[in-house]
Amino acid sequence: MNGLFSGAAARAALKSAHACLAELMTTVGVSGLDAVAQSPGLLAAVDQHEAGIRDSLSTDVRPLTPVILAAYAEGVRDAAFKHGWRPPVGDIDWAGDDWVLTRLLAVCTLSRTLPASR
């Protein structure tokens, strides 16, 4: 699309991406970042997941953006739901070995590296 509508679509996508990442930070990131601060093992796992995300998104070729990162997180959640994964009810037990939650926590940590919105 060109002209006026392409700018509007880009702004809408960016707004939606920020909302998605904020919701993910609320549901996963806050407690996960607290747990990472207490657990070197979880920190190492999150670091590995961050590297995997960067590799899959080719961040060596293109910059990481909120839209790309939010779309990735949505894809992880959609695929997990399709395969029977369900988010925990109540507080997250970060001592458990939940690949999906660790991957989404890595998205949260990567989102903190993005430049601030204007």
PDB file of N, CA and C in Angstrom:
ATOM      1  N   MET A   1       0.838  -1.173   0.000  1.00  0.00           N
ATOM      2  CA  MET A   1       0.000   0.000   0.000  1.00  0.00           C
ATOM      3  C   MET A   1       0.885   1.240   0.000  1.00  0.00           C
ATOM      4  N   ASN A   2       0.392   2.269  -0.601  1.00  0.00           N
ATOM      5  CA  ASN A   2       1.118   3.528  -0.658  1.00  0.00           C
ATOM      6  C   ASN A   2       0.297   4.640  -0.026  1.00  0.00           C
ATOM      7  N   GLY A   3       0.971   5.743   0.235  1.00  0.00           N
ATOM      8  CA  GLY A   3       0.277   6.940   0.663  1.00  0.00           C
ATOM      9  C   GLY A   3      -0.186   6.915   2.103  1.00  0.00           C
ATOM     10  N   LEU A   4      -1.279   7.599   2.331  1.00  0.00           N
ATOM     11  CA  LEU A   4      -1.826   7.805   3.660  1.00  0.00           C
ATOM     12  C   LEU A   4      -2.106   6.502   4.400  1.00  0.00           C
ATOM     13  N   PHE A   5      -2.665   5.519   3.728  1.00  0.00           N
ATOM     14  CA  PHE A   5      -3.069   4.298   4.409  1.00  0.00           C
ATOM     15  C   PHE A   5      -1.893   3.428   4.821  1.00  0.00           C
ATOM     16  N   SER A   6      -0.799   3.459   4.095  1.00  0.00           N
ATOM     17  CA  SER A   6       0.349   2.645   4.490  1.00  0.00           C
ATOM     18  C   SER A   6       0.920   3.141   5.811  1.00  0.00           C
ATOM     19  N   GLY A   7       0.951   4.461   6.017  1.00  0.00           N
ATOM     20  CA  GLY A   7       1.412   5.009   7.293  1.00  0.00           C
ATOM     21  C   GLY A   7       0.477   4.638   8.422  1.00  0.00           C
ATOM     22  N   ALA A   8      -0.816   4.687   8.146  1.00  0.00           N
ATOM     23  CA  ALA A   8      -1.800   4.324   9.164  1.00  0.00           C
ATOM     24  C   ALA A   8      -1.686   2.850   9.515  1.00  0.00           C
ATOM     25  N   ALA A   9      -1.480   2.010   8.520  1.00  0.00           N
ATOM     26  CA  ALA A   9      -1.350   0.576   8.771  1.00  0.00           C
ATOM     27  C   ALA A   9      -0.092   0.289   9.584  1.00  0.00           C
ATOM     28  N   ALA A  10       0.985   0.969   9.268  1.00  0.00           N
ATOM     29  CA  ALA A  10       2.232   0.775  10.010  1.00  0.00           C
ATOM     30  C   ALA A  10       2.084   1.216  11.466  1.00  0.00           C
ATOM     31  N   ARG A  11       1.424   2.333  11.680  1.00  0.00           N
ATOM     32  CA  ARG A  11       1.191   2.804  13.055  1.00  0.00           C
ATOM     33  C   ARG A  11       0.295   1.834  13.821  1.00  0.00           C
ATOM     34  N   ALA A  12      -0.726   1.308  13.154  1.00  0.00           N
ATOM     35  CA  ALA A  12      -1.627   0.348  13.802  1.00  0.00           C
ATOM     36  C   ALA A  12      -0.883  -0.941  14.154  1.00  0.00           C
ATOM     37  N   ALA A  13      -0.032  -1.401  13.249  1.00  0.00           N
ATOM     38  CA  ALA A  13       0.752  -2.614  13.517  1.00  0.00           C
ATOM     39  C   ALA A  13       1.698  -2.397  14.683  1.00  0.00           C
ATOM     40  N   LEU A  14       2.322  -1.237  14.735  1.00  0.00           N
ATOM     41  CA  LEU A  14       3.240  -0.937  15.821  1.00  0.00           C
ATOM     42  C   LEU A  14       2.498  -0.836  17.153  1.00  0.00           C
ATOM     43  N   LYS A  15       1.346  -0.206  17.135  1.00  0.00           N
ATOM     44  CA  LYS A  15       0.552  -0.088  18.359  1.00  0.00           C
ATOM     45  C   LYS A  15       0.119  -1.465  18.847  1.00  0.00           C
ATOM     46  N   SER A  16      -0.316  -2.310  17.937  1.00  0.00           N
ATOM     47  CA  SER A  16      -0.723  -3.666  18.277  1.00  0.00           C
ATOM     48  C   SER A  16       0.458  -4.472  18.821  1.00  0.00           C
ATOM     49  N   ALA A  17       1.625  -4.307  18.215  1.00  0.00           N
ATOM     50  CA  ALA A  17       2.829  -5.019  18.666  1.00  0.00           C
ATOM     51  C   ALA A  17       3.206  -4.604  20.075  1.00  0.00           C
ATOM     52  N   HIS A  18       3.165  -3.321  20.349  1.00  0.00           N
ATOM     53  CA  HIS A  18       3.483  -2.839  21.698  1.00  0.00           C
ATOM     54  C   HIS A  18       2.483  -3.380  22.719  1.00  0.00           C
ATOM     55  N   ALA A  19       1.214  -3.433  22.339  1.00  0.00           N
ATOM     56  CA  ALA A  19       0.195  -3.979  23.247  1.00  0.00           C
ATOM     57  C   ALA A  19       0.443  -5.461  23.515  1.00  0.00           C
ATOM     58  N   CYS A  20       0.790  -6.199  22.490  1.00  0.00           N
ATOM     59  CA  CYS A  20       1.083  -7.627  22.637  1.00  0.00           C
ATOM     60  C   CYS A  20       2.274  -7.840  23.560  1.00  0.00           C
ATOM     61  N   LEU A  21       3.342  -7.087  23.348  1.00  0.00           N
ATOM     62  CA  LEU A  21       4.540  -7.236  24.173  1.00  0.00           C
ATOM     63  C   LEU A  21       4.294  -6.781  25.610  1.00  0.00           C
ATOM     64  N   ALA A  22       3.482  -5.756  25.793  1.00  0.00           N
ATOM     65  CA  ALA A  22       3.150  -5.301  27.150  1.00  0.00           C
ATOM     66  C   ALA A  22       2.343  -6.362  27.885  1.00  0.00           C
ATOM     67  N   GLU A  23       1.395  -6.971  27.205  1.00  0.00           N
ATOM     68  CA  GLU A  23       0.589  -8.037  27.813  1.00  0.00           C
ATOM     69  C   GLU A  23       1.471  -9.228  28.159  1.00  0.00           C
ATOM     70  N   LEU A  24       2.393  -9.567  27.289  1.00  0.00           N
ATOM     71  CA  LEU A  24       3.311 -10.672  27.552  1.00  0.00           C
ATOM     72  C   LEU A  24       4.210 -10.359  28.746  1.00  0.00           C
ATOM     73  N   MET A  25       4.656  -9.124  28.846  1.00  0.00           N
ATOM     74  CA  MET A  25       5.485  -8.732  29.981  1.00  0.00           C
ATOM     75  C   MET A  25       4.695  -8.848  31.284  1.00  0.00           C
ATOM     76  N   THR A  26       3.421  -8.482  31.250  1.00  0.00           N
ATOM     77  CA  THR A  26       2.581  -8.571  32.438  1.00  0.00           C
ATOM     78  C   THR A  26       2.348 -10.019  32.854  1.00  0.00           C
ATOM     79  N   THR A  27       2.033 -10.876  31.896  1.00  0.00           N
ATOM     80  CA  THR A  27       1.664 -12.251  32.221  1.00  0.00           C
ATOM     81  C   THR A  27       2.850 -13.175  32.436  1.00  0.00           C
ATOM     82  N   VAL A  28       3.968 -12.907  31.776  1.00  0.00           N
ATOM     83  CA  VAL A  28       5.127 -13.802  31.849  1.00  0.00           C
ATOM     84  C   VAL A  28       6.371 -13.084  32.355  1.00  0.00           C
ATOM     85  N   GLY A  29       6.615 -11.912  31.833  1.00  0.00           N
ATOM     86  CA  GLY A  29       7.881 -11.234  32.070  1.00  0.00           C
ATOM     87  C   GLY A  29       8.141 -10.793  33.495  1.00  0.00           C
ATOM     88  N   VAL A  30       7.151 -10.238  34.153  1.00  0.00           N
ATOM     89  CA  VAL A  30       7.376  -9.688  35.494  1.00  0.00           C
ATOM     90  C   VAL A  30       7.851 -10.794  36.439  1.00  0.00           C
ATOM     91  N   SER A  31       7.091 -11.867  36.533  1.00  0.00           N
ATOM     92  CA  SER A  31       7.488 -12.944  37.445  1.00  0.00           C
ATOM     93  C   SER A  31       8.723 -13.675  36.925  1.00  0.00           C
ATOM     94  N   GLY A  32       8.820 -13.793  35.609  1.00  0.00           N
ATOM     95  CA  GLY A  32       9.973 -14.481  35.026  1.00  0.00           C
ATOM     96  C   GLY A  32      11.278 -13.749  35.253  1.00  0.00           C
ATOM     97  N   LEU A  33      11.253 -12.436  35.119  1.00  0.00           N
ATOM     98  CA  LEU A  33      12.470 -11.659  35.353  1.00  0.00           C
ATOM     99  C   LEU A  33      12.888 -11.717  36.818  1.00  0.00           C
ATOM    100  N   ASP A  34      11.911 -11.753  37.721  1.00  0.00           N
ATOM    101  CA  ASP A  34      12.229 -11.947  39.137  1.00  0.00           C
ATOM    102  C   ASP A  34      12.882 -13.311  39.352  1.00  0.00           C
ATOM    103  N   ALA A  35      12.343 -14.335  38.709  1.00  0.00           N
ATOM    104  CA  ALA A  35      12.886 -15.690  38.850  1.00  0.00           C
ATOM    105  C   ALA A  35      14.286 -15.793  38.251  1.00  0.00           C
ATOM    106  N   VAL A  36      14.506 -15.131  37.111  1.00  0.00           N
ATOM    107  CA  VAL A  36      15.830 -15.137  36.474  1.00  0.00           C
ATOM    108  C   VAL A  36      16.876 -14.543  37.415  1.00  0.00           C
ATOM    109  N   ALA A  37      16.502 -13.509  38.141  1.00  0.00           N
ATOM    110  CA  ALA A  37      17.434 -12.864  39.069  1.00  0.00           C
ATOM    111  C   ALA A  37      17.845 -13.801  40.205  1.00  0.00           C
ATOM    112  N   GLN A  38      17.016 -14.810  40.479  1.00  0.00           N
ATOM    113  CA  GLN A  38      17.288 -15.744  41.571  1.00  0.00           C
ATOM    114  C   GLN A  38      17.862 -17.082  41.102  1.00  0.00           C
ATOM    115  N   SER A  39      17.826 -17.341  39.806  1.00  0.00           N
ATOM    116  CA  SER A  39      18.195 -18.669  39.307  1.00  0.00           C
ATOM    117  C   SER A  39      19.176 -18.592  38.134  1.00  0.00           C
ATOM    118  N   PRO A  40      20.449 -18.904  38.381  1.00  0.00           N
ATOM    119  CA  PRO A  40      21.418 -18.919  37.283  1.00  0.00           C
ATOM    120  C   PRO A  40      21.044 -19.920  36.187  1.00  0.00           C
ATOM    121  N   GLY A  41      20.401 -21.010  36.566  1.00  0.00           N
ATOM    122  CA  GLY A  41      19.989 -22.003  35.568  1.00  0.00           C
ATOM    123  C   GLY A  41      18.934 -21.455  34.632  1.00  0.00           C
ATOM    124  N   LEU A  42      17.962 -20.750  35.192  1.00  0.00           N
ATOM    125  CA  LEU A  42      16.924 -20.146  34.360  1.00  0.00           C
ATOM    126  C   LEU A  42      17.516 -19.041  33.497  1.00  0.00           C
ATOM    127  N   LEU A  43      18.433 -18.268  34.053  1.00  0.00           N
ATOM    128  CA  LEU A  43      19.105 -17.231  33.267  1.00  0.00           C
ATOM    129  C   LEU A  43      19.810 -17.842  32.059  1.00  0.00           C
ATOM    130  N   ALA A  44      20.507 -18.947  32.268  1.00  0.00           N
ATOM    131  CA  ALA A  44      21.208 -19.611  31.160  1.00  0.00           C
ATOM    132  C   ALA A  44      20.214 -20.112  30.113  1.00  0.00           C
ATOM    133  N   ALA A  45      19.108 -20.677  30.564  1.00  0.00           N
ATOM    134  CA  ALA A  45      18.092 -21.169  29.624  1.00  0.00           C
ATOM    135  C   ALA A  45      17.506 -20.024  28.810  1.00  0.00           C
ATOM    136  N   VAL A  46      17.205 -18.917  29.472  1.00  0.00           N
ATOM    137  CA  VAL A  46      16.646 -17.753  28.772  1.00  0.00           C
ATOM    138  C   VAL A  46      17.668 -17.218  27.762  1.00  0.00           C
ATOM    139  N   ASP A  47      18.933 -17.157  28.146  1.00  0.00           N
ATOM    140  CA  ASP A  47      19.978 -16.711  27.213  1.00  0.00           C
ATOM    141  C   ASP A  47      20.023 -17.597  25.971  1.00  0.00           C
ATOM    142  N   GLN A  48      19.898 -18.908  26.163  1.00  0.00           N
ATOM    143  CA  GLN A  48      19.897 -19.822  25.017  1.00  0.00           C
ATOM    144  C   GLN A  48      18.677 -19.600  24.139  1.00  0.00           C
ATOM    145  N   HIS A  49      17.545 -19.370  24.760  1.00  0.00           N
ATOM    146  CA  HIS A  49      16.332 -19.097  23.986  1.00  0.00           C
ATOM    147  C   HIS A  49      16.448 -17.771  23.231  1.00  0.00           C
ATOM    148  N   GLU A  50      17.039 -16.772  23.851  1.00  0.00           N
ATOM    149  CA  GLU A  50      17.253 -15.500  23.149  1.00  0.00           C
ATOM    150  C   GLU A  50      18.081 -15.720  21.890  1.00  0.00           C
ATOM    151  N   ALA A  51      19.150 -16.490  22.020  1.00  0.00           N
ATOM    152  CA  ALA A  51      20.001 -16.774  20.857  1.00  0.00           C
ATOM    153  C   ALA A  51      19.213 -17.510  19.781  1.00  0.00           C
ATOM    154  N   GLY A  52      18.381 -18.452  20.183  1.00  0.00           N
ATOM    155  CA  GLY A  52      17.563 -19.176  19.219  1.00  0.00           C
ATOM    156  C   GLY A  52      16.576 -18.275  18.502  1.00  0.00           C
ATOM    157  N   ILE A  53      15.988 -17.357  19.241  1.00  0.00           N
ATOM    158  CA  ILE A  53      15.043 -16.413  18.638  1.00  0.00           C
ATOM    159  C   ILE A  53      15.777 -15.511  17.648  1.00  0.00           C
ATOM    160  N   ARG A  54      16.913 -14.984  18.065  1.00  0.00           N
ATOM    161  CA  ARG A  54      17.684 -14.120  17.164  1.00  0.00           C
ATOM    162  C   ARG A  54      18.061 -14.864  15.890  1.00  0.00           C
ATOM    163  N   ASP A  55      18.473 -16.128  16.032  1.00  0.00           N
ATOM    164  CA  ASP A  55      18.823 -16.922  14.850  1.00  0.00           C
ATOM    165  C   ASP A  55      17.617 -17.118  13.944  1.00  0.00           C
ATOM    166  N   SER A  56      16.470 -17.461  14.529  1.00  0.00           N
ATOM    167  CA  SER A  56      15.293 -17.729  13.703  1.00  0.00           C
ATOM    168  C   SER A  56      14.749 -16.468  13.045  1.00  0.00           C
ATOM    169  N   LEU A  57      14.994 -15.321  13.665  1.00  0.00           N
ATOM    170  CA  LEU A  57      14.518 -14.062  13.089  1.00  0.00           C
ATOM    171  C   LEU A  57      15.576 -13.357  12.248  1.00  0.00           C
ATOM    172  N   SER A  58      16.714 -13.998  12.080  1.00  0.00           N
ATOM    173  CA  SER A  58      17.807 -13.445  11.259  1.00  0.00           C
ATOM    174  C   SER A  58      18.161 -12.023  11.668  1.00  0.00           C
ATOM    175  N   THR A  59      18.376 -11.808  12.960  1.00  0.00           N
ATOM    176  CA  THR A  59      18.674 -10.460  13.415  1.00  0.00           C
ATOM    177  C   THR A  59      20.055  -9.987  12.998  1.00  0.00           C
ATOM    178  N   ASP A  60      20.855 -10.884  12.438  1.00  0.00           N
ATOM    179  CA  ASP A  60      22.135 -10.437  11.894  1.00  0.00           C
ATOM    180  C   ASP A  60      21.936  -9.760  10.540  1.00  0.00           C
ATOM    181  N   VAL A  61      20.769  -9.969   9.937  1.00  0.00           N
ATOM    182  CA  VAL A  61      20.470  -9.411   8.619  1.00  0.00           C
ATOM    183  C   VAL A  61      19.523  -8.221   8.711  1.00  0.00           C
ATOM    184  N   ARG A  62      18.569  -8.306   9.617  1.00  0.00           N
ATOM    185  CA  ARG A  62      17.589  -7.223   9.771  1.00  0.00           C
ATOM    186  C   ARG A  62      17.425  -6.915  11.258  1.00  0.00           C
ATOM    187  N   PRO A  63      17.112  -5.680  11.568  1.00  0.00           N
ATOM    188  CA  PRO A  63      16.991  -5.312  12.987  1.00  0.00           C
ATOM    189  C   PRO A  63      15.740  -5.921  13.623  1.00  0.00           C
ATOM    190  N   LEU A  64      15.860  -6.162  14.897  1.00  0.00           N
ATOM    191  CA  LEU A  64      14.730  -6.655  15.667  1.00  0.00           C
ATOM    192  C   LEU A  64      13.795  -5.471  15.928  1.00  0.00           C
ATOM    193  N   THR A  65      12.520  -5.661  15.644  1.00  0.00           N
ATOM    194  CA  THR A  65      11.527  -4.604  15.843  1.00  0.00           C
ATOM    195  C   THR A  65      10.396  -5.134  16.716  1.00  0.00           C
ATOM    196  N   PRO A  66       9.610  -4.243  17.306  1.00  0.00           N
ATOM    197  CA  PRO A  66       8.463  -4.707  18.091  1.00  0.00           C
ATOM    198  C   PRO A  66       7.492  -5.547  17.266  1.00  0.00           C
ATOM    199  N   VAL A  67       7.262  -5.175  16.022  1.00  0.00           N
ATOM    200  CA  VAL A  67       6.316  -5.911  15.185  1.00  0.00           C
ATOM    201  C   VAL A  67       6.817  -7.327  14.932  1.00  0.00           C
ATOM    202  N   ILE A  68       8.088  -7.475  14.600  1.00  0.00           N
ATOM    203  CA  ILE A  68       8.656  -8.800  14.346  1.00  0.00           C
ATOM    204  C   ILE A  68       8.637  -9.638  15.617  1.00  0.00           C
ATOM    205  N   LEU A  69       9.026  -9.052  16.727  1.00  0.00           N
ATOM    206  CA  LEU A  69       9.095  -9.789  17.987  1.00  0.00           C
ATOM    207  C   LEU A  69       7.702 -10.195  18.477  1.00  0.00           C
ATOM    208  N   ALA A  70       6.736  -9.304  18.359  1.00  0.00           N
ATOM    209  CA  ALA A  70       5.369  -9.634  18.773  1.00  0.00           C
ATOM    210  C   ALA A  70       4.782 -10.726  17.882  1.00  0.00           C
ATOM    211  N   ALA A  71       5.022 -10.639  16.590  1.00  0.00           N
ATOM    212  CA  ALA A  71       4.531 -11.675  15.680  1.00  0.00           C
ATOM    213  C   ALA A  71       5.154 -13.024  16.019  1.00  0.00           C
ATOM    214  N   TYR A  72       6.426 -13.020  16.365  1.00  0.00           N
ATOM    215  CA  TYR A  72       7.103 -14.256  16.758  1.00  0.00           C
ATOM    216  C   TYR A  72       6.438 -14.839  18.009  1.00  0.00           C
ATOM    217  N   ALA A  73       6.211 -13.995  19.018  1.00  0.00           N
ATOM    218  CA  ALA A  73       5.595 -14.464  20.264  1.00  0.00           C
ATOM    219  C   ALA A  73       4.207 -15.042  20.001  1.00  0.00           C
ATOM    220  N   GLU A  74       3.434 -14.373  19.169  1.00  0.00           N
ATOM    221  CA  GLU A  74       2.103 -14.875  18.830  1.00  0.00           C
ATOM    222  C   GLU A  74       2.203 -16.219  18.123  1.00  0.00           C
ATOM    223  N   GLY A  75       3.183 -16.366  17.258  1.00  0.00           N
ATOM    224  CA  GLY A  75       3.386 -17.640  16.568  1.00  0.00           C
ATOM    225  C   GLY A  75       3.749 -18.760  17.530  1.00  0.00           C
ATOM    226  N   VAL A  76       4.602 -18.462  18.494  1.00  0.00           N
ATOM    227  CA  VAL A  76       4.964 -19.466  19.504  1.00  0.00           C
ATOM    228  C   VAL A  76       3.723 -19.885  20.282  1.00  0.00           C
ATOM    229  N   ARG A  77       2.944 -18.906  20.733  1.00  0.00           N
ATOM    230  CA  ARG A  77       1.740 -19.228  21.504  1.00  0.00           C
ATOM    231  C   ARG A  77       0.730 -20.014  20.669  1.00  0.00           C
ATOM    232  N   ASP A  78       0.515 -19.594  19.432  1.00  0.00           N
ATOM    233  CA  ASP A  78      -0.444 -20.283  18.570  1.00  0.00           C
ATOM    234  C   ASP A  78      -0.035 -21.734  18.341  1.00  0.00           C
ATOM    235  N   ALA A  79       1.236 -21.947  18.044  1.00  0.00           N
ATOM    236  CA  ALA A  79       1.725 -23.311  17.810  1.00  0.00           C
ATOM    237  C   ALA A  79       1.617 -24.149  19.084  1.00  0.00           C
ATOM    238  N   ALA A  80       1.936 -23.541  20.219  1.00  0.00           N
ATOM    239  CA  ALA A  80       1.854 -24.270  21.488  1.00  0.00           C
ATOM    240  C   ALA A  80       0.410 -24.677  21.780  1.00  0.00           C
ATOM    241  N   PHE A  81      -0.531 -23.756  21.600  1.00  0.00           N
ATOM    242  CA  PHE A  81      -1.947 -24.077  21.819  1.00  0.00           C
ATOM    243  C   PHE A  81      -2.393 -25.196  20.887  1.00  0.00           C
ATOM    244  N   LYS A  82      -1.953 -25.126  19.638  1.00  0.00           N
ATOM    245  CA  LYS A  82      -2.327 -26.137  18.647  1.00  0.00           C
ATOM    246  C   LYS A  82      -1.852 -27.524  19.073  1.00  0.00           C
ATOM    247  N   HIS A  83      -0.737 -27.572  19.785  1.00  0.00           N
ATOM    248  CA  HIS A  83      -0.173 -28.853  20.223  1.00  0.00           C
ATOM    249  C   HIS A  83      -0.558 -29.210  21.661  1.00  0.00           C
ATOM    250  N   GLY A  84      -1.554 -28.517  22.203  1.00  0.00           N
ATOM    251  CA  GLY A  84      -2.099 -28.899  23.488  1.00  0.00           C
ATOM    252  C   GLY A  84      -1.545 -28.171  24.703  1.00  0.00           C
ATOM    253  N   TRP A  85      -0.610 -27.269  24.512  1.00  0.00           N
ATOM    254  CA  TRP A  85      -0.060 -26.519  25.653  1.00  0.00           C
ATOM    255  C   TRP A  85      -1.111 -25.558  26.179  1.00  0.00           C
ATOM    256  N   ARG A  86      -1.160 -25.421  27.477  1.00  0.00           N
ATOM    257  CA  ARG A  86      -2.028 -24.435  28.095  1.00  0.00           C
ATOM    258  C   ARG A  86      -1.213 -23.659  29.120  1.00  0.00           C
ATOM    259  N   PRO A  87      -1.444 -22.360  29.224  1.00  0.00           N
ATOM    260  CA  PRO A  87      -0.705 -21.574  30.215  1.00  0.00           C
ATOM    261  C   PRO A  87      -1.105 -21.989  31.624  1.00  0.00           C
ATOM    262  N   PRO A  88      -0.191 -21.829  32.545  1.00  0.00           N
ATOM    263  CA  PRO A  88      -0.525 -22.196  33.921  1.00  0.00           C
ATOM    264  C   PRO A  88      -1.609 -21.273  34.486  1.00  0.00           C
ATOM    265  N   VAL A  89      -2.373 -21.835  35.383  1.00  0.00           N
ATOM    266  CA  VAL A  89      -3.386 -21.056  36.087  1.00  0.00           C
ATOM    267  C   VAL A  89      -2.736 -20.588  37.389  1.00  0.00           C
ATOM    268  N   GLY A  90      -2.815 -19.315  37.654  1.00  0.00           N
ATOM    269  CA  GLY A  90      -2.179 -18.779  38.858  1.00  0.00           C
ATOM    270  C   GLY A  90      -0.722 -18.447  38.607  1.00  0.00           C
ATOM    271  N   ASP A  91       0.046 -18.484  39.674  1.00  0.00           N
ATOM    272  CA  ASP A  91       1.465 -18.131  39.587  1.00  0.00           C
ATOM    273  C   ASP A  91       2.242 -19.160  38.753  1.00  0.00           C
ATOM    274  N   ILE A  92       3.219 -18.674  38.026  1.00  0.00           N
ATOM    275  CA  ILE A  92       4.059 -19.547  37.209  1.00  0.00           C
ATOM    276  C   ILE A  92       5.145 -20.158  38.086  1.00  0.00           C
ATOM    277  N   ASP A  93       5.306 -21.470  37.972  1.00  0.00           N
ATOM    278  CA  ASP A  93       6.386 -22.177  38.666  1.00  0.00           C
ATOM    279  C   ASP A  93       7.598 -22.180  37.736  1.00  0.00           C
ATOM    280  N   TRP A  94       8.503 -21.237  37.945  1.00  0.00           N
ATOM    281  CA  TRP A  94       9.666 -21.111  37.068  1.00  0.00           C
ATOM    282  C   TRP A  94      10.693 -22.209  37.295  1.00  0.00           C
ATOM    283  N   ALA A  95      10.517 -23.011  38.357  1.00  0.00           N
ATOM    284  CA  ALA A  95      11.420 -24.141  38.581  1.00  0.00           C
ATOM    285  C   ALA A  95      11.087 -25.289  37.629  1.00  0.00           C
ATOM    286  N   GLY A  96       9.875 -25.275  37.079  1.00  0.00           N
ATOM    287  CA  GLY A  96       9.489 -26.288  36.108  1.00  0.00           C
ATOM    288  C   GLY A  96      10.207 -26.051  34.787  1.00  0.00           C
ATOM    289  N   ASP A  97      10.208 -27.064  33.951  1.00  0.00           N
ATOM    290  CA  ASP A  97      10.903 -26.963  32.667  1.00  0.00           C
ATOM    291  C   ASP A  97       9.876 -26.842  31.552  1.00  0.00           C
ATOM    292  N   ASP A  98       9.329 -25.638  31.381  1.00  0.00           N
ATOM    293  CA  ASP A  98       8.310 -25.387  30.365  1.00  0.00           C
ATOM    294  C   ASP A  98       8.951 -24.602  29.222  1.00  0.00           C
ATOM    295  N   TRP A  99       9.186 -25.278  28.098  1.00  0.00           N
ATOM    296  CA  TRP A  99       9.867 -24.679  26.958  1.00  0.00           C
ATOM    297  C   TRP A  99       9.131 -23.431  26.476  1.00  0.00           C
ATOM    298  N   VAL A 100       7.819 -23.504  26.394  1.00  0.00           N
ATOM    299  CA  VAL A 100       7.032 -22.381  25.867  1.00  0.00           C
ATOM    300  C   VAL A 100       7.186 -21.156  26.762  1.00  0.00           C
ATOM    301  N   LEU A 101       7.029 -21.343  28.067  1.00  0.00           N
ATOM    302  CA  LEU A 101       7.161 -20.209  28.976  1.00  0.00           C
ATOM    303  C   LEU A 101       8.566 -19.614  28.942  1.00  0.00           C
ATOM    304  N   THR A 102       9.576 -20.472  28.862  1.00  0.00           N
ATOM    305  CA  THR A 102      10.950 -19.969  28.796  1.00  0.00           C
ATOM    306  C   THR A 102      11.177 -19.208  27.498  1.00  0.00           C
ATOM    307  N   ARG A 103      10.610 -19.696  26.396  1.00  0.00           N
ATOM    308  CA  ARG A 103      10.743 -19.007  25.114  1.00  0.00           C
ATOM    309  C   ARG A 103      10.050 -17.644  25.177  1.00  0.00           C
ATOM    310  N   LEU A 104       8.859 -17.614  25.758  1.00  0.00           N
ATOM    311  CA  LEU A 104       8.139 -16.341  25.867  1.00  0.00           C
ATOM    312  C   LEU A 104       8.845 -15.379  26.824  1.00  0.00           C
ATOM    313  N   LEU A 105       9.462 -15.905  27.861  1.00  0.00           N
ATOM    314  CA  LEU A 105      10.261 -15.056  28.745  1.00  0.00           C
ATOM    315  C   LEU A 105      11.444 -14.477  27.984  1.00  0.00           C
ATOM    316  N   ALA A 106      12.041 -15.263  27.107  1.00  0.00           N
ATOM    317  CA  ALA A 106      13.137 -14.744  26.281  1.00  0.00           C
ATOM    318  C   ALA A 106      12.645 -13.627  25.362  1.00  0.00           C
ATOM    319  N   VAL A 107      11.430 -13.741  24.856  1.00  0.00           N
ATOM    320  CA  VAL A 107      10.847 -12.649  24.065  1.00  0.00           C
ATOM    321  C   VAL A 107      10.751 -11.397  24.929  1.00  0.00           C
ATOM    322  N   CYS A 108      10.331 -11.575  26.177  1.00  0.00           N
ATOM    323  CA  CYS A 108      10.228 -10.424  27.089  1.00  0.00           C
ATOM    324  C   CYS A 108      11.590  -9.766  27.293  1.00  0.00           C
ATOM    325  N   THR A 109      12.617 -10.576  27.504  1.00  0.00           N
ATOM    326  CA  THR A 109      13.935  -9.978  27.728  1.00  0.00           C
ATOM    327  C   THR A 109      14.441  -9.292  26.472  1.00  0.00           C
ATOM    328  N   LEU A 110      14.152  -9.868  25.319  1.00  0.00           N
ATOM    329  CA  LEU A 110      14.547  -9.209  24.072  1.00  0.00           C
ATOM    330  C   LEU A 110      13.772  -7.917  23.855  1.00  0.00           C
ATOM    331  N   SER A 111      12.517  -7.902  24.254  1.00  0.00           N
ATOM    332  CA  SER A 111      11.721  -6.686  24.056  1.00  0.00           C
ATOM    333  C   SER A 111      12.284  -5.528  24.861  1.00  0.00           C
ATOM    334  N   ARG A 112      12.952  -5.833  25.956  1.00  0.00           N
ATOM    335  CA  ARG A 112      13.555  -4.779  26.776  1.00  0.00           C
ATOM    336  C   ARG A 112      14.765  -4.164  26.088  1.00  0.00           C
ATOM    337  N   THR A 113      15.310  -4.812  25.062  1.00  0.00           N
ATOM    338  CA  THR A 113      16.466  -4.273  24.343  1.00  0.00           C
ATOM    339  C   THR A 113      16.073  -3.381  23.175  1.00  0.00           C
ATOM    340  N   LEU A 114      14.781  -3.344  22.874  1.00  0.00           N
ATOM    341  CA  LEU A 114      14.310  -2.529  21.750  1.00  0.00           C
ATOM    342  C   LEU A 114      14.374  -1.058  22.099  1.00  0.00           C
ATOM    343  N   PRO A 115      14.625  -0.209  21.111  1.00  0.00           N
ATOM    344  CA  PRO A 115      14.612   1.241  21.385  1.00  0.00           C
ATOM    345  C   PRO A 115      13.235   1.662  21.864  1.00  0.00           C
ATOM    346  N   ALA A 116      13.208   2.658  22.721  1.00  0.00           N
ATOM    347  CA  ALA A 116      11.949   3.181  23.252  1.00  0.00           C
ATOM    348  C   ALA A 116      11.136   3.801  22.126  1.00  0.00           C
ATOM    349  N   SER A 117       9.826   3.700  22.257  1.00  0.00           N
ATOM    350  CA  SER A 117       8.930   4.310  21.275  1.00  0.00           C
ATOM    351  C   SER A 117       8.991   5.816  21.387  1.00  0.00           C
ATOM    352  N   ARG A 118       8.688   6.448  20.282  1.00  0.00           N
ATOM    353  CA  ARG A 118       8.652   7.918  20.286  1.00  0.00           C
ATOM    354  C   ARG A 118       7.282   8.406  20.569  1.00  0.00           C
TER     355      ARG A 118
END
